[in-house]
Every structure is written in structure tokens, then in C-alpha cells.
N, C-alpha and C. Protein backbone atom coordinates (compact mmCIF):
# COMPACT_ATOMS: atom_id res chain seq x y z
N TRP A 1 0.81 -1.22 0.00
CA TRP A 1 0.00 0.00 0.00
C TRP A 1 0.84 1.26 0.00
N GLY A 2 2.17 1.09 0.03
CA GLY A 2 3.03 2.25 0.06
C GLY A 2 2.95 3.08 -1.21
N GLY A 3 2.47 2.50 -2.31
CA GLY A 3 2.42 3.23 -3.56
C GLY A 3 1.21 4.13 -3.71
N PHE A 4 0.23 4.03 -2.78
CA PHE A 4 -0.98 4.84 -2.89
C PHE A 4 -0.80 6.19 -2.22
N LEU A 5 -1.36 7.22 -2.84
CA LEU A 5 -1.47 8.52 -2.21
C LEU A 5 -2.73 8.49 -1.35
N TRP A 6 -2.86 9.45 -0.43
CA TRP A 6 -4.04 9.49 0.42
C TRP A 6 -5.21 10.13 -0.31
N SER A 7 -5.54 9.64 -1.46
CA SER A 7 -6.68 10.15 -2.21
C SER A 7 -7.30 9.00 -2.99
N PRO A 8 -8.17 8.25 -2.35
CA PRO A 8 -8.78 7.09 -3.02
C PRO A 8 -9.47 7.45 -4.32
N ARG A 9 -9.98 8.68 -4.43
CA ARG A 9 -10.67 9.05 -5.67
C ARG A 9 -9.74 9.00 -6.87
N LEU A 10 -8.45 9.26 -6.65
CA LEU A 10 -7.49 9.20 -7.75
C LEU A 10 -7.34 7.77 -8.25
N HIS A 11 -7.65 6.82 -7.40
CA HIS A 11 -7.47 5.41 -7.75
C HIS A 11 -8.81 4.70 -7.89
N GLN A 12 -9.89 5.45 -8.09
CA GLN A 12 -11.21 4.84 -8.09
C GLN A 12 -11.37 3.73 -9.13
N PRO A 13 -10.95 3.92 -10.37
CA PRO A 13 -11.10 2.81 -11.34
C PRO A 13 -10.38 1.54 -10.87
N LEU A 14 -9.18 1.72 -10.33
CA LEU A 14 -8.44 0.56 -9.84
C LEU A 14 -9.15 -0.08 -8.66
N LEU A 15 -9.66 0.75 -7.74
CA LEU A 15 -10.32 0.21 -6.55
C LEU A 15 -11.60 -0.54 -6.91
N ILE A 16 -12.27 -0.10 -7.97
CA ILE A 16 -13.45 -0.83 -8.42
C ILE A 16 -13.03 -2.19 -8.99
N ALA A 17 -11.92 -2.18 -9.72
CA ALA A 17 -11.44 -3.42 -10.35
C ALA A 17 -10.98 -4.45 -9.33
N ILE A 18 -10.43 -3.96 -8.21
CA ILE A 18 -9.88 -4.89 -7.20
C ILE A 18 -10.75 -4.91 -5.93
N LYS A 19 -11.99 -4.55 -6.08
CA LYS A 19 -12.87 -4.41 -4.91
C LYS A 19 -12.83 -5.63 -3.99
N GLU A 20 -13.04 -6.80 -4.52
CA GLU A 20 -13.13 -7.99 -3.68
C GLU A 20 -11.84 -8.25 -2.90
N PRO A 21 -10.67 -8.32 -3.55
CA PRO A 21 -9.44 -8.56 -2.79
C PRO A 21 -9.07 -7.38 -1.88
N PHE A 22 -9.40 -6.17 -2.30
CA PHE A 22 -9.12 -5.00 -1.46
C PHE A 22 -9.84 -5.11 -0.13
N LEU A 23 -11.14 -5.38 -0.17
CA LEU A 23 -11.90 -5.49 1.06
C LEU A 23 -11.49 -6.73 1.86
N ALA A 24 -11.19 -7.81 1.16
CA ALA A 24 -10.81 -9.05 1.84
C ALA A 24 -9.48 -8.92 2.57
N THR A 25 -8.65 -7.97 2.14
CA THR A 25 -7.34 -7.78 2.77
C THR A 25 -7.48 -7.43 4.26
N ALA A 26 -8.62 -6.84 4.63
CA ALA A 26 -8.84 -6.49 6.04
C ALA A 26 -8.76 -7.72 6.94
N GLY A 27 -9.15 -8.87 6.40
CA GLY A 27 -9.10 -10.10 7.18
C GLY A 27 -7.71 -10.70 7.27
N HIS A 28 -6.73 -10.07 6.61
CA HIS A 28 -5.34 -10.55 6.63
C HIS A 28 -4.41 -9.46 7.15
N TYR A 29 -4.94 -8.65 8.06
CA TYR A 29 -4.23 -7.48 8.56
C TYR A 29 -2.84 -7.82 9.08
N ALA A 30 -2.75 -8.85 9.87
CA ALA A 30 -1.47 -9.20 10.49
C ALA A 30 -0.41 -9.57 9.46
N GLU A 31 -0.85 -10.06 8.32
CA GLU A 31 0.09 -10.48 7.29
C GLU A 31 0.69 -9.29 6.52
N LEU A 32 0.12 -8.10 6.71
CA LEU A 32 0.61 -6.92 5.99
C LEU A 32 1.87 -6.33 6.59
N GLY A 33 2.21 -6.77 7.79
CA GLY A 33 3.45 -6.30 8.43
C GLY A 33 3.51 -4.79 8.57
N GLU A 34 4.58 -4.21 8.08
CA GLU A 34 4.80 -2.77 8.24
C GLU A 34 3.78 -1.92 7.47
N HIS A 35 3.05 -2.54 6.54
CA HIS A 35 2.06 -1.79 5.76
C HIS A 35 0.65 -1.87 6.34
N ALA A 36 0.50 -2.59 7.46
CA ALA A 36 -0.83 -2.82 8.02
C ALA A 36 -1.52 -1.52 8.42
N ARG A 37 -0.81 -0.68 9.13
CA ARG A 37 -1.42 0.57 9.59
C ARG A 37 -1.81 1.46 8.41
N GLN A 38 -0.96 1.47 7.40
CA GLN A 38 -1.25 2.28 6.21
C GLN A 38 -2.49 1.75 5.49
N PHE A 39 -2.63 0.43 5.46
CA PHE A 39 -3.81 -0.15 4.82
C PHE A 39 -5.08 0.27 5.57
N ALA A 40 -5.06 0.20 6.90
CA ALA A 40 -6.24 0.57 7.69
C ALA A 40 -6.62 2.02 7.45
N ALA A 41 -5.62 2.88 7.38
CA ALA A 41 -5.89 4.30 7.14
C ALA A 41 -6.47 4.50 5.74
N PHE A 42 -5.90 3.82 4.75
CA PHE A 42 -6.39 3.96 3.37
C PHE A 42 -7.81 3.43 3.25
N LEU A 43 -8.10 2.33 3.93
CA LEU A 43 -9.45 1.77 3.93
C LEU A 43 -10.43 2.79 4.50
N THR A 44 -10.01 3.49 5.54
CA THR A 44 -10.86 4.52 6.15
C THR A 44 -11.12 5.66 5.18
N TYR A 45 -10.06 6.13 4.52
CA TYR A 45 -10.22 7.22 3.56
C TYR A 45 -11.11 6.79 2.39
N ALA A 46 -10.98 5.56 1.98
CA ALA A 46 -11.83 5.07 0.90
C ALA A 46 -13.29 5.09 1.33
N ALA A 47 -13.55 4.68 2.55
CA ALA A 47 -14.92 4.68 3.07
C ALA A 47 -15.48 6.09 3.18
N LEU A 48 -14.64 7.03 3.59
CA LEU A 48 -15.08 8.42 3.74
C LEU A 48 -15.37 9.08 2.40
N ASN A 49 -14.80 8.57 1.33
CA ASN A 49 -14.94 9.19 0.01
C ASN A 49 -16.15 8.72 -0.79
N HIS A 50 -16.98 7.86 -0.18
CA HIS A 50 -18.21 7.43 -0.85
C HIS A 50 -17.93 6.94 -2.27
N LEU A 51 -17.02 6.00 -2.41
CA LEU A 51 -16.62 5.53 -3.72
C LEU A 51 -17.74 4.81 -4.45
N ALA A 52 -17.87 5.11 -5.73
CA ALA A 52 -18.85 4.42 -6.57
C ALA A 52 -18.49 2.93 -6.63
N GLY A 53 -19.50 2.11 -6.55
CA GLY A 53 -19.26 0.67 -6.60
C GLY A 53 -19.09 0.03 -5.24
N TYR A 54 -18.99 0.86 -4.20
CA TYR A 54 -18.85 0.36 -2.84
C TYR A 54 -20.05 0.82 -2.01
N THR A 55 -20.49 -0.01 -1.09
CA THR A 55 -21.58 0.36 -0.20
C THR A 55 -21.05 0.51 1.22
N ALA A 56 -21.86 1.15 2.04
CA ALA A 56 -21.50 1.28 3.46
C ALA A 56 -21.33 -0.10 4.08
N GLN A 57 -22.17 -1.05 3.66
CA GLN A 57 -22.09 -2.41 4.19
C GLN A 57 -20.75 -3.06 3.82
N ASP A 58 -20.24 -2.77 2.62
CA ASP A 58 -18.94 -3.30 2.22
C ASP A 58 -17.86 -2.86 3.20
N PHE A 59 -17.86 -1.57 3.51
CA PHE A 59 -16.83 -1.05 4.41
C PHE A 59 -17.08 -1.46 5.86
N GLN A 60 -18.35 -1.56 6.23
CA GLN A 60 -18.65 -2.01 7.59
C GLN A 60 -18.11 -3.41 7.82
N THR A 61 -18.29 -4.27 6.84
CA THR A 61 -17.80 -5.65 6.94
C THR A 61 -16.28 -5.68 6.99
N ALA A 62 -15.63 -4.90 6.12
CA ALA A 62 -14.16 -4.89 6.07
C ALA A 62 -13.57 -4.34 7.36
N ILE A 63 -14.07 -3.21 7.82
CA ILE A 63 -13.53 -2.61 9.03
C ILE A 63 -13.86 -3.48 10.25
N GLY A 64 -14.99 -4.15 10.20
CA GLY A 64 -15.33 -5.08 11.28
C GLY A 64 -14.40 -6.28 11.33
N ALA A 65 -13.71 -6.55 10.24
CA ALA A 65 -12.78 -7.69 10.19
C ALA A 65 -11.39 -7.34 10.70
N LEU A 66 -11.15 -6.04 10.91
CA LEU A 66 -9.83 -5.61 11.40
C LEU A 66 -9.63 -6.01 12.85
N PRO A 67 -8.40 -6.33 13.23
CA PRO A 67 -8.11 -6.59 14.65
C PRO A 67 -8.10 -5.27 15.41
N GLN A 68 -7.93 -5.34 16.72
CA GLN A 68 -7.99 -4.14 17.55
C GLN A 68 -7.03 -3.05 17.10
N GLU A 69 -5.80 -3.44 16.78
CA GLU A 69 -4.83 -2.42 16.36
C GLU A 69 -5.23 -1.76 15.03
N GLY A 70 -5.94 -2.50 14.20
CA GLY A 70 -6.42 -1.93 12.95
C GLY A 70 -7.53 -0.91 13.20
N LEU A 71 -8.41 -1.23 14.13
CA LEU A 71 -9.49 -0.30 14.47
C LEU A 71 -8.93 0.95 15.14
N ASP A 72 -7.89 0.77 15.93
CA ASP A 72 -7.20 1.92 16.53
C ASP A 72 -6.72 2.87 15.44
N GLU A 73 -6.19 2.31 14.37
CA GLU A 73 -5.68 3.12 13.27
C GLU A 73 -6.82 3.79 12.50
N VAL A 74 -7.94 3.12 12.38
CA VAL A 74 -9.10 3.73 11.73
C VAL A 74 -9.52 4.98 12.50
N ALA A 75 -9.57 4.89 13.82
CA ALA A 75 -9.94 6.04 14.64
C ALA A 75 -8.96 7.19 14.45
N ARG A 76 -7.66 6.87 14.39
CA ARG A 76 -6.66 7.93 14.15
C ARG A 76 -6.84 8.56 12.78
N ALA A 77 -7.18 7.75 11.80
CA ALA A 77 -7.37 8.26 10.44
C ALA A 77 -8.57 9.20 10.36
N LEU A 78 -9.60 8.93 11.13
CA LEU A 78 -10.77 9.82 11.16
C LEU A 78 -10.37 11.20 11.66
N VAL A 79 -9.54 11.24 12.68
CA VAL A 79 -9.07 12.52 13.22
C VAL A 79 -8.26 13.26 12.18
N GLN A 80 -7.34 12.55 11.53
CA GLN A 80 -6.49 13.18 10.52
C GLN A 80 -7.32 13.74 9.37
N ALA A 81 -8.34 12.98 8.96
CA ALA A 81 -9.18 13.42 7.84
C ALA A 81 -9.96 14.68 8.21
N LEU A 82 -10.51 14.71 9.42
CA LEU A 82 -11.29 15.88 9.83
C LEU A 82 -10.40 17.11 10.01
N GLU A 83 -9.23 16.91 10.60
CA GLU A 83 -8.32 18.04 10.78
C GLU A 83 -7.85 18.58 9.43
N ALA A 84 -7.67 17.70 8.47
CA ALA A 84 -7.21 18.12 7.14
C ALA A 84 -8.28 18.89 6.37
N ALA A 85 -9.53 18.81 6.82
CA ALA A 85 -10.62 19.50 6.13
C ALA A 85 -10.56 21.00 6.33
N GLY A 86 -9.76 21.47 7.29
CA GLY A 86 -9.57 22.89 7.50
C GLY A 86 -10.86 23.64 7.74
N GLU A 87 -11.11 24.66 6.93
CA GLU A 87 -12.30 25.49 7.11
C GLU A 87 -13.59 24.76 6.71
N GLN A 88 -13.44 23.61 6.10
CA GLN A 88 -14.62 22.83 5.70
C GLN A 88 -14.98 21.76 6.74
N ARG A 89 -14.47 21.91 7.95
CA ARG A 89 -14.69 20.87 8.97
C ARG A 89 -16.16 20.61 9.25
N LYS A 90 -16.94 21.68 9.30
CA LYS A 90 -18.37 21.52 9.60
C LYS A 90 -19.03 20.62 8.57
N ASN A 91 -18.80 20.92 7.30
CA ASN A 91 -19.39 20.10 6.25
C ASN A 91 -18.81 18.70 6.23
N TYR A 92 -17.50 18.60 6.50
CA TYR A 92 -16.86 17.28 6.48
C TYR A 92 -17.41 16.42 7.61
N TRP A 93 -17.60 17.03 8.77
CA TRP A 93 -18.18 16.29 9.89
C TRP A 93 -19.56 15.78 9.52
N ARG A 94 -20.39 16.67 8.99
CA ARG A 94 -21.77 16.30 8.71
C ARG A 94 -21.91 15.33 7.54
N ASN A 95 -21.11 15.52 6.51
CA ASN A 95 -21.28 14.74 5.28
C ASN A 95 -20.39 13.51 5.15
N ARG A 96 -19.33 13.47 5.94
CA ARG A 96 -18.41 12.33 5.84
C ARG A 96 -18.30 11.56 7.16
N ILE A 97 -17.92 12.27 8.23
CA ILE A 97 -17.65 11.58 9.49
C ILE A 97 -18.92 11.01 10.11
N GLN A 98 -19.98 11.81 10.20
CA GLN A 98 -21.22 11.31 10.80
C GLN A 98 -21.79 10.10 10.06
N PRO A 99 -21.89 10.13 8.71
CA PRO A 99 -22.38 8.94 8.02
C PRO A 99 -21.48 7.72 8.26
N PHE A 100 -20.17 7.96 8.29
CA PHE A 100 -19.23 6.86 8.57
C PHE A 100 -19.53 6.28 9.94
N TRP A 101 -19.71 7.16 10.92
CA TRP A 101 -19.94 6.70 12.29
C TRP A 101 -21.23 5.88 12.38
N HIS A 102 -22.28 6.37 11.78
CA HIS A 102 -23.57 5.70 11.90
C HIS A 102 -23.67 4.43 11.06
N ASP A 103 -23.01 4.42 9.89
CA ASP A 103 -23.20 3.30 8.97
C ASP A 103 -22.06 2.29 8.93
N ILE A 104 -20.87 2.69 9.38
CA ILE A 104 -19.69 1.84 9.20
C ILE A 104 -18.99 1.48 10.51
N TRP A 105 -18.82 2.43 11.39
CA TRP A 105 -18.09 2.18 12.63
C TRP A 105 -18.76 1.06 13.43
N PRO A 106 -17.97 0.12 13.99
CA PRO A 106 -18.55 -0.98 14.78
C PRO A 106 -19.38 -0.46 15.95
N LYS A 107 -20.35 -1.22 16.36
CA LYS A 107 -21.27 -0.78 17.41
C LYS A 107 -20.93 -1.34 18.80
N SER A 108 -20.09 -2.36 18.87
CA SER A 108 -19.79 -2.99 20.15
C SER A 108 -18.81 -2.18 20.99
N LEU A 109 -19.25 -1.75 22.17
CA LEU A 109 -18.39 -0.98 23.07
C LEU A 109 -17.27 -1.83 23.66
N ASN A 110 -17.34 -3.13 23.45
CA ASN A 110 -16.26 -4.01 23.91
C ASN A 110 -14.96 -3.73 23.16
N LEU A 111 -15.05 -2.98 22.07
CA LEU A 111 -13.88 -2.68 21.25
C LEU A 111 -13.15 -1.41 21.71
N VAL A 112 -13.66 -0.76 22.73
CA VAL A 112 -13.02 0.47 23.22
C VAL A 112 -11.61 0.16 23.71
N SER A 113 -10.67 1.02 23.35
CA SER A 113 -9.30 0.92 23.82
C SER A 113 -8.83 2.30 24.23
N HIS A 114 -7.69 2.39 24.93
CA HIS A 114 -7.14 3.69 25.30
C HIS A 114 -6.90 4.53 24.04
N SER A 115 -6.39 3.88 23.00
CA SER A 115 -6.08 4.57 21.76
C SER A 115 -7.33 5.11 21.09
N ILE A 116 -8.37 4.28 21.02
CA ILE A 116 -9.63 4.72 20.40
C ILE A 116 -10.25 5.85 21.20
N SER A 117 -10.25 5.72 22.52
CA SER A 117 -10.82 6.77 23.36
C SER A 117 -10.11 8.10 23.13
N GLU A 118 -8.79 8.05 23.07
CA GLU A 118 -8.02 9.28 22.83
C GLU A 118 -8.34 9.86 21.45
N SER A 119 -8.37 9.01 20.44
CA SER A 119 -8.64 9.48 19.08
C SER A 119 -10.03 10.10 18.97
N LEU A 120 -11.01 9.49 19.60
CA LEU A 120 -12.38 10.00 19.49
C LEU A 120 -12.56 11.29 20.27
N ALA A 121 -11.83 11.44 21.37
CA ALA A 121 -11.84 12.72 22.07
C ALA A 121 -11.25 13.80 21.17
N LEU A 122 -10.16 13.47 20.49
CA LEU A 122 -9.54 14.42 19.56
C LEU A 122 -10.45 14.69 18.36
N LEU A 123 -11.22 13.68 17.95
CA LEU A 123 -12.16 13.85 16.84
C LEU A 123 -13.23 14.88 17.20
N ALA A 124 -13.75 14.77 18.41
CA ALA A 124 -14.76 15.73 18.86
C ALA A 124 -14.19 17.14 18.89
N ILE A 125 -12.97 17.27 19.38
CA ILE A 125 -12.32 18.59 19.44
C ILE A 125 -12.06 19.12 18.03
N ALA A 126 -11.66 18.25 17.13
CA ALA A 126 -11.36 18.66 15.75
C ALA A 126 -12.61 19.13 15.03
N ALA A 127 -13.78 18.75 15.50
CA ALA A 127 -15.03 19.16 14.85
C ALA A 127 -15.34 20.64 15.05
N ARG A 128 -14.61 21.28 15.99
CA ARG A 128 -14.76 22.70 16.27
C ARG A 128 -16.22 23.11 16.54
N GLU A 129 -16.87 23.87 15.67
CA GLU A 129 -18.21 24.37 15.99
C GLU A 129 -19.23 23.24 16.10
N GLU A 130 -18.90 22.08 15.61
CA GLU A 130 -19.76 20.91 15.75
C GLU A 130 -19.39 20.11 17.00
N PHE A 131 -18.54 20.67 17.83
CA PHE A 131 -18.04 19.98 19.02
C PHE A 131 -19.15 19.37 19.88
N PRO A 132 -20.20 20.10 20.24
CA PRO A 132 -21.24 19.49 21.08
C PRO A 132 -21.87 18.25 20.45
N VAL A 133 -22.16 18.33 19.16
CA VAL A 133 -22.76 17.20 18.46
C VAL A 133 -21.77 16.04 18.36
N ALA A 134 -20.53 16.38 18.02
CA ALA A 134 -19.50 15.35 17.88
C ALA A 134 -19.25 14.64 19.20
N LEU A 135 -19.21 15.41 20.28
CA LEU A 135 -18.98 14.81 21.59
C LEU A 135 -20.12 13.88 21.96
N SER A 136 -21.35 14.31 21.74
CA SER A 136 -22.50 13.46 22.04
C SER A 136 -22.47 12.18 21.20
N THR A 137 -21.93 12.29 19.99
CA THR A 137 -21.85 11.14 19.10
C THR A 137 -20.90 10.08 19.62
N VAL A 138 -19.76 10.51 20.16
CA VAL A 138 -18.72 9.54 20.57
C VAL A 138 -18.63 9.32 22.07
N ILE A 139 -19.43 10.01 22.86
CA ILE A 139 -19.24 10.01 24.31
C ILE A 139 -19.24 8.62 24.93
N ASN A 140 -20.05 7.71 24.41
CA ASN A 140 -20.10 6.37 25.01
C ASN A 140 -18.82 5.57 24.78
N TRP A 141 -17.97 6.07 23.88
CA TRP A 141 -16.70 5.39 23.60
C TRP A 141 -15.54 6.01 24.37
N LEU A 142 -15.81 7.05 25.12
CA LEU A 142 -14.73 7.71 25.85
C LEU A 142 -14.51 7.06 27.21
N ARG A 143 -13.26 6.84 27.53
CA ARG A 143 -12.84 6.26 28.80
C ARG A 143 -11.65 7.06 29.32
N PRO A 144 -11.32 6.94 30.59
CA PRO A 144 -10.10 7.60 31.09
C PRO A 144 -8.90 7.18 30.25
N ILE A 145 -8.12 8.16 29.84
CA ILE A 145 -6.95 7.93 28.98
C ILE A 145 -5.70 7.87 29.85
N GLU A 146 -4.84 6.92 29.54
CA GLU A 146 -3.62 6.75 30.34
C GLU A 146 -2.80 8.02 30.39
N HIS A 147 -2.65 8.66 29.25
CA HIS A 147 -1.88 9.91 29.17
C HIS A 147 -2.75 10.96 28.47
N PRO A 148 -3.57 11.69 29.21
CA PRO A 148 -4.53 12.63 28.60
C PRO A 148 -3.96 14.00 28.25
N HIS A 149 -2.64 14.16 28.38
CA HIS A 149 -2.04 15.48 28.19
C HIS A 149 -2.35 16.09 26.83
N TYR A 150 -2.25 15.30 25.77
CA TYR A 150 -2.43 15.85 24.43
C TYR A 150 -3.88 16.26 24.19
N VAL A 151 -4.81 15.45 24.68
CA VAL A 151 -6.22 15.79 24.53
C VAL A 151 -6.53 17.10 25.25
N VAL A 152 -6.03 17.26 26.47
CA VAL A 152 -6.26 18.48 27.22
C VAL A 152 -5.60 19.67 26.53
N HIS A 153 -4.41 19.44 26.00
CA HIS A 153 -3.72 20.49 25.27
C HIS A 153 -4.54 20.95 24.07
N ARG A 154 -5.06 20.00 23.31
CA ARG A 154 -5.84 20.35 22.12
C ARG A 154 -7.14 21.07 22.50
N LEU A 155 -7.75 20.65 23.59
CA LEU A 155 -8.96 21.30 24.05
C LEU A 155 -8.66 22.75 24.44
N HIS A 156 -7.59 22.95 25.20
CA HIS A 156 -7.20 24.30 25.62
C HIS A 156 -6.86 25.16 24.41
N GLU A 157 -6.10 24.61 23.50
CA GLU A 157 -5.66 25.33 22.31
C GLU A 157 -6.84 25.74 21.43
N SER A 158 -7.86 24.92 21.38
CA SER A 158 -9.03 25.17 20.52
C SER A 158 -9.94 26.27 21.07
N GLU A 159 -9.79 26.56 22.36
CA GLU A 159 -10.64 27.53 23.06
C GLU A 159 -12.11 27.10 23.08
N LEU A 160 -12.36 25.82 22.91
CA LEU A 160 -13.73 25.31 22.95
C LEU A 160 -14.31 25.37 24.36
N ALA A 161 -13.44 25.38 25.37
CA ALA A 161 -13.94 25.48 26.74
C ALA A 161 -14.65 26.81 26.98
N LYS A 162 -14.22 27.83 26.25
CA LYS A 162 -14.88 29.14 26.35
C LYS A 162 -16.22 29.15 25.61
N ARG A 163 -16.26 28.49 24.48
CA ARG A 163 -17.45 28.50 23.64
C ARG A 163 -18.50 27.49 24.11
N PHE A 164 -18.03 26.33 24.54
CA PHE A 164 -18.94 25.26 24.94
C PHE A 164 -18.49 24.69 26.29
N PRO A 165 -18.60 25.49 27.35
CA PRO A 165 -18.06 25.08 28.65
C PRO A 165 -18.64 23.77 29.20
N GLU A 166 -19.93 23.57 29.05
CA GLU A 166 -20.54 22.36 29.61
C GLU A 166 -20.06 21.12 28.87
N ASP A 167 -19.93 21.23 27.55
CA ASP A 167 -19.45 20.10 26.77
C ASP A 167 -17.97 19.83 27.05
N ALA A 168 -17.20 20.90 27.22
CA ALA A 168 -15.79 20.73 27.54
C ALA A 168 -15.64 20.00 28.88
N LEU A 169 -16.47 20.37 29.85
CA LEU A 169 -16.42 19.70 31.15
C LEU A 169 -16.80 18.23 31.02
N ARG A 170 -17.78 17.97 30.17
CA ARG A 170 -18.21 16.59 29.94
C ARG A 170 -17.07 15.76 29.37
N LEU A 171 -16.33 16.32 28.44
CA LEU A 171 -15.19 15.60 27.84
C LEU A 171 -14.10 15.36 28.87
N LEU A 172 -13.75 16.40 29.62
CA LEU A 172 -12.69 16.27 30.63
C LEU A 172 -13.05 15.22 31.68
N ASP A 173 -14.29 15.22 32.08
CA ASP A 173 -14.74 14.25 33.08
C ASP A 173 -14.64 12.82 32.56
N ALA A 174 -14.85 12.67 31.24
CA ALA A 174 -14.81 11.33 30.65
C ALA A 174 -13.41 10.77 30.52
N VAL A 175 -12.43 11.63 30.23
CA VAL A 175 -11.08 11.12 29.94
C VAL A 175 -10.10 11.24 31.10
N ILE A 176 -10.48 11.98 32.14
CA ILE A 176 -9.58 12.13 33.28
C ILE A 176 -10.17 11.43 34.49
N ASP A 177 -9.38 10.54 35.06
CA ASP A 177 -9.80 9.81 36.25
C ASP A 177 -8.93 10.28 37.41
N ASP A 178 -7.89 9.52 37.69
CA ASP A 178 -6.94 9.92 38.75
C ASP A 178 -5.54 9.58 38.28
N GLN A 179 -5.23 9.96 37.05
CA GLN A 179 -3.92 9.67 36.49
C GLN A 179 -2.82 10.34 37.33
N PRO A 180 -1.70 9.66 37.51
CA PRO A 180 -0.64 10.21 38.36
C PRO A 180 -0.02 11.50 37.83
N TRP A 181 -0.03 11.67 36.51
CA TRP A 181 0.55 12.88 35.94
C TRP A 181 -0.57 13.79 35.47
N VAL A 182 -0.70 14.94 36.10
CA VAL A 182 -1.78 15.87 35.79
C VAL A 182 -1.51 16.58 34.46
N PRO A 183 -2.49 16.59 33.55
CA PRO A 183 -2.32 17.33 32.29
C PRO A 183 -2.00 18.79 32.58
N ARG A 184 -0.97 19.29 31.94
CA ARG A 184 -0.44 20.62 32.24
C ARG A 184 -1.49 21.72 32.12
N GLU A 185 -2.37 21.61 31.15
CA GLU A 185 -3.32 22.70 30.87
C GLU A 185 -4.73 22.45 31.40
N LEU A 186 -4.88 21.46 32.27
CA LEU A 186 -6.19 21.19 32.85
C LEU A 186 -6.69 22.38 33.65
N LYS A 187 -5.83 22.99 34.42
CA LYS A 187 -6.24 24.14 35.23
C LYS A 187 -6.76 25.27 34.35
N GLU A 188 -6.06 25.53 33.24
CA GLU A 188 -6.48 26.58 32.33
C GLU A 188 -7.85 26.26 31.71
N CYS A 189 -8.09 25.00 31.41
CA CYS A 189 -9.39 24.60 30.86
C CYS A 189 -10.50 24.82 31.87
N LEU A 190 -10.25 24.44 33.12
CA LEU A 190 -11.26 24.63 34.15
C LEU A 190 -11.52 26.11 34.41
N THR A 191 -10.47 26.91 34.35
CA THR A 191 -10.63 28.35 34.52
C THR A 191 -11.50 28.93 33.40
N ALA A 192 -11.26 28.48 32.17
CA ALA A 192 -12.05 28.95 31.03
C ALA A 192 -13.51 28.53 31.18
N ILE A 193 -13.73 27.30 31.65
CA ILE A 193 -15.10 26.81 31.87
C ILE A 193 -15.80 27.65 32.93
N LYS A 194 -15.09 27.94 34.00
CA LYS A 194 -15.66 28.72 35.11
C LYS A 194 -16.02 30.14 34.67
N LYS A 195 -15.15 30.75 33.89
CA LYS A 195 -15.41 32.11 33.41
C LYS A 195 -16.59 32.15 32.45
N ALA A 196 -16.69 31.14 31.59
CA ALA A 196 -17.75 31.12 30.59
C ALA A 196 -19.11 30.73 31.18
N HIS A 197 -19.07 29.91 32.22
CA HIS A 197 -20.32 29.40 32.81
C HIS A 197 -20.08 29.23 34.31
N PRO A 198 -20.13 30.32 35.09
CA PRO A 198 -19.80 30.29 36.52
C PRO A 198 -20.55 29.24 37.34
N THR A 199 -21.78 28.95 37.02
CA THR A 199 -22.55 28.01 37.83
C THR A 199 -22.01 26.57 37.74
N LEU A 200 -21.19 26.31 36.72
CA LEU A 200 -20.61 24.96 36.60
C LEU A 200 -19.62 24.65 37.72
N GLN A 201 -19.20 25.67 38.46
CA GLN A 201 -18.31 25.43 39.60
C GLN A 201 -18.98 24.51 40.63
N LYS A 202 -20.32 24.52 40.64
CA LYS A 202 -21.07 23.71 41.59
C LYS A 202 -21.32 22.29 41.07
N ASP A 203 -20.99 22.07 39.82
CA ASP A 203 -21.19 20.76 39.20
C ASP A 203 -20.24 19.74 39.83
N ALA A 204 -20.74 18.55 40.10
CA ALA A 204 -19.93 17.50 40.74
C ALA A 204 -18.70 17.16 39.91
N ARG A 205 -18.81 17.23 38.60
CA ARG A 205 -17.67 16.91 37.74
C ARG A 205 -16.59 17.98 37.86
N PHE A 206 -17.01 19.23 37.92
CA PHE A 206 -16.04 20.32 38.08
C PHE A 206 -15.35 20.21 39.44
N LYS A 207 -16.13 19.92 40.47
CA LYS A 207 -15.55 19.78 41.81
C LYS A 207 -14.54 18.63 41.87
N ARG A 208 -14.87 17.53 41.22
CA ARG A 208 -13.96 16.37 41.22
C ARG A 208 -12.63 16.72 40.55
N LEU A 209 -12.71 17.38 39.42
CA LEU A 209 -11.48 17.74 38.70
C LEU A 209 -10.68 18.79 39.47
N SER A 210 -11.36 19.70 40.14
CA SER A 210 -10.67 20.70 40.96
C SER A 210 -9.96 20.04 42.12
N GLU A 211 -10.61 19.07 42.74
CA GLU A 211 -9.99 18.33 43.85
C GLU A 211 -8.79 17.53 43.35
N TYR A 212 -8.91 17.01 42.17
CA TYR A 212 -7.80 16.26 41.53
C TYR A 212 -6.58 17.16 41.40
N LEU A 213 -6.80 18.40 40.96
CA LEU A 213 -5.69 19.36 40.85
C LEU A 213 -5.10 19.67 42.23
N LYS A 214 -5.95 19.86 43.21
CA LYS A 214 -5.48 20.20 44.55
C LYS A 214 -4.63 19.08 45.16
N ARG A 215 -5.06 17.85 44.92
CA ARG A 215 -4.31 16.70 45.46
C ARG A 215 -2.90 16.65 44.91
N HIS A 216 -2.73 17.22 43.74
CA HIS A 216 -1.41 17.22 43.11
C HIS A 216 -0.72 18.59 43.25
N GLY A 217 -1.24 19.38 44.16
CA GLY A 217 -0.60 20.66 44.46
C GLY A 217 -0.71 21.71 43.40
N ILE A 218 -1.78 21.65 42.59
CA ILE A 218 -1.97 22.61 41.50
C ILE A 218 -3.17 23.50 41.80
């Protein structure tokens, strides 16, 4: 898969010609070796591009055949695709990511991993003005992340805590438990939430996260 560019539409005639073996390759993920992750990402991009000759069921079956590490890569690819949409993120979320989530992404929560949880938190943040909807879409897949620093950094950097304080608190509560290393910008996020929506200081989730900071001397 090293010869493909990240634009399945450029290879659409070829992908139609090799549809059956292309999709079946998902069931041989481990045999791809160093190209496995690239294949999972390309499969995701192909699904997002609504290729002629392929159905949502085709991609649902193929992605469902991936092992855990393959699904982890699919989640990362979704984040990369949405971030790459730039100023078109709103449309990309609505027209590409949401249909993918509803029609293709596996439904079993038993597949949740630290990697998937982190990627989906980043996906919600990458949705920007669609953040509340995106968060509600993926919230059941979010779990405490072993190292939540990057997610908190991206949330702080996006300034979404100022625009959507309640949703930002919901995300922080989902990914932060009692990790030994406190995310550097958690305090700044809570401050932004408090300034934007003062009554949230009384929320049990806000109090828990504030106590978490205090226990670590922050």
C-alpha cells in the first residue's frame, strides 16, 4: 500500500477493479506487516470518500474484520481526515464523518481501547463548531486515557472550553480519572469553563477535577 497517495478518488477505477481482494485484505491485517497501519488508514479514507461501486455495508464488513490495532488506526485516520478539512470541517463532519460513524463504525463498546478513546476525544475537538454534536456522538466510547495530556492540550488550544463550557467539562470528566501525571493545561481549561459558565463550579464533575488538581498541588 506504500504506492498509494491518500486520495482514493485518484485510484477509483483501480479500486473498483480490485474491490473484492481490497476489502478481503482487512481479514489478513497481520500479514501486511509494516504496511498494516497504512492499509487501515487507506481503507478509512476510501470509506469516507463514498466511492462508486462500494456500499457502506462493504466497508462495515471490512472494518469489522480488522483486529484491535487496525481499528485503533481507523480512529486515528478519522481525526487526521477531519483536521485536514480545514475550514470545511463543519461540512466534512456532517457529510463524511457522521455517516461513517452511523453506517460503518462498529457498534460494540467491547472494542473500546485507550487509543480509540483518545482518538475519538480528539475527533470531537477537531469538529470545532460541531463539538457538542460530535462529543455526544462519541461520548459512550470515551474512557479515562492513560496519558490525557495531548487531549487536554488540544482542548485548551481550541478555546472550545470558552465557547462550549458544559461540553468541555463533559469531555474532561470522561477522559480524566486519577492519572498520576496531571495534564499541564487542565487548570487553564477549568478556569475557562468557570469564566464562561460560573454556575458549573457547583457541578460535581467540576468539583472532582478541581480536587484532583489540589491533590497534586496545583
